[in-house]
C-alpha cells in the first residue's frame, strides 16, 4: 500500500510531520502526539483537532 505524503495544508489542522524509516508521520503541533501514516488524511486530522483540541477549531494557520 502506498504511503501518504504530508501536504502543507495539514498545518490548517495543527499538524506537521516527522520522518521515521523513510515514512512521514503526522504530528500534532499542540500536544506532540504522533499518529500513524494511515491517519494522514484531512478528515482524520480534523477529527483529532476537534476531539482533542476543540478550542483551536477554526483558528487561523498563523496560530500554529
C-alpha atoms as a PDB file:
ATOM      1  CA  UNK A   1       0.000   0.000   0.000  1.00  0.00           C
ATOM      2  CA  UNK A   2       1.430   3.415  -0.934  1.00  0.00           C
ATOM      3  CA  UNK A   3       2.413   5.707   1.905  1.00  0.00           C
ATOM      4  CA  UNK A   4       0.710   9.050   2.252  1.00  0.00           C
ATOM      5  CA  UNK A   5       2.765  12.225   1.977  1.00  0.00           C
ATOM      6  CA  UNK A   6       2.450  15.365   4.076  1.00  0.00           C
ATOM      7  CA  UNK A   7       0.725  18.332   2.432  1.00  0.00           C
ATOM      8  CA  UNK A   8       1.292  21.911   3.606  1.00  0.00           C
ATOM      9  CA  UNK A   9      -2.474  22.380   4.078  1.00  0.00           C
ATOM     10  CA  UNK A  10      -2.331  19.951   7.015  1.00  0.00           C
ATOM     11  CA  UNK A  11      -0.936  22.856   9.003  1.00  0.00           C
ATOM     12  CA  UNK A  12      -4.500  24.231   8.956  1.00  0.00           C
ATOM     13  CA  UNK A  13      -5.407  21.314  11.251  1.00  0.00           C
ATOM     14  CA  UNK A  14      -2.391  21.829  13.514  1.00  0.00           C
ATOM     15  CA  UNK A  15      -0.186  19.093  12.058  1.00  0.00           C
ATOM     16  CA  UNK A  16       3.364  18.896  10.868  1.00  0.00           C
ATOM     17  CA  UNK A  17       5.241  15.642  10.256  1.00  0.00           C
ATOM     18  CA  UNK A  18       8.104  13.511  11.491  1.00  0.00           C
ATOM     19  CA  UNK A  19      10.054  11.197   9.273  1.00  0.00           C
ATOM     20  CA  UNK A  20      10.818   7.714  10.555  1.00  0.00           C
ATOM     21  CA  UNK A  21      12.187   4.901   8.426  1.00  0.00           C
ATOM     22  CA  UNK A  22      11.506   6.852   5.225  1.00  0.00           C
ATOM     23  CA  UNK A  23       7.865   7.286   6.234  1.00  0.00           C
ATOM     24  CA  UNK A  24       6.165  10.600   7.015  1.00  0.00           C
ATOM     25  CA  UNK A  25       4.053  10.519  10.170  1.00  0.00           C
ATOM     26  CA  UNK A  26       1.679  13.333  11.151  1.00  0.00           C
ATOM     27  CA  UNK A  27       2.496  15.033  14.455  1.00  0.00           C
ATOM     28  CA  UNK A  28       0.150  17.389  16.289  1.00  0.00           C
ATOM     29  CA  UNK A  29       1.786  20.749  16.926  1.00  0.00           C
ATOM     30  CA  UNK A  30      -0.301  21.295  20.061  1.00  0.00           C
ATOM     31  CA  UNK A  31       0.127  18.023  22.003  1.00  0.00           C
ATOM     32  CA  UNK A  32       3.031  16.493  20.006  1.00  0.00           C
ATOM     33  CA  UNK A  33       1.130  13.239  19.542  1.00  0.00           C
ATOM     34  CA  UNK A  34       2.374  11.299  16.521  1.00  0.00           C
ATOM     35  CA  UNK A  35      -0.238   9.435  14.518  1.00  0.00           C
ATOM     36  CA  UNK A  36       0.157   6.612  12.028  1.00  0.00           C
ATOM     37  CA  UNK A  37       0.750   7.269   8.351  1.00  0.00           C
ATOM     38  CA  UNK A  38      -2.758   5.932   7.693  1.00  0.00           C
ATOM     39  CA  UNK A  39      -4.075   8.900   9.694  1.00  0.00           C
ATOM     40  CA  UNK A  40      -2.568  11.388   7.259  1.00  0.00           C
ATOM     41  CA  UNK A  41      -5.956  12.173   5.751  1.00  0.00           C
ATOM     42  CA  UNK A  42      -7.617  15.558   6.204  1.00  0.00           C
ATOM     43  CA  UNK A  43     -10.702  14.116   7.898  1.00  0.00           C
ATOM     44  CA  UNK A  44      -8.566  12.172  10.413  1.00  0.00           C
ATOM     45  CA  UNK A  45      -6.518  15.270  11.254  1.00  0.00           C
ATOM     46  CA  UNK A  46      -9.668  17.403  11.598  1.00  0.00           C
ATOM     47  CA  UNK A  47     -11.151  14.736  13.864  1.00  0.00           C
ATOM     48  CA  UNK A  48      -8.114  14.847  16.171  1.00  0.00           C
ATOM     49  CA  UNK A  49      -8.240  18.643  16.300  1.00  0.00           C
ATOM     50  CA  UNK A  50     -11.960  18.805  17.061  1.00  0.00           C
ATOM     51  CA  UNK A  51     -11.977  15.947  19.590  1.00  0.00           C
ATOM     52  CA  UNK A  52      -8.747  16.664  21.466  1.00  0.00           C
ATOM     53  CA  UNK A  53      -8.290  20.423  20.963  1.00  0.00           C
ATOM     54  CA  UNK A  54     -11.763  21.905  20.298  1.00  0.00           C
ATOM     55  CA  UNK A  55     -10.615  25.356  21.419  1.00  0.00           C
ATOM     56  CA  UNK A  56      -8.382  25.537  18.302  1.00  0.00           C
ATOM     57  CA  UNK A  57     -11.050  24.639  15.729  1.00  0.00           C
ATOM     58  CA  UNK A  58     -11.496  27.474  13.243  1.00  0.00           C
ATOM     59  CA  UNK A  59      -8.296  29.272  14.252  1.00  0.00           C
ATOM     60  CA  UNK A  60      -6.019  30.686  11.559  1.00  0.00           C
ATOM     61  CA  UNK A  61      -2.905  28.875  10.347  1.00  0.00           C
ATOM     62  CA  UNK A  62      -0.638  31.568  11.842  1.00  0.00           C
ATOM     63  CA  UNK A  63      -1.606  30.328  15.313  1.00  0.00           C
ATOM     64  CA  UNK A  64       0.141  27.044  14.593  1.00  0.00           C
END
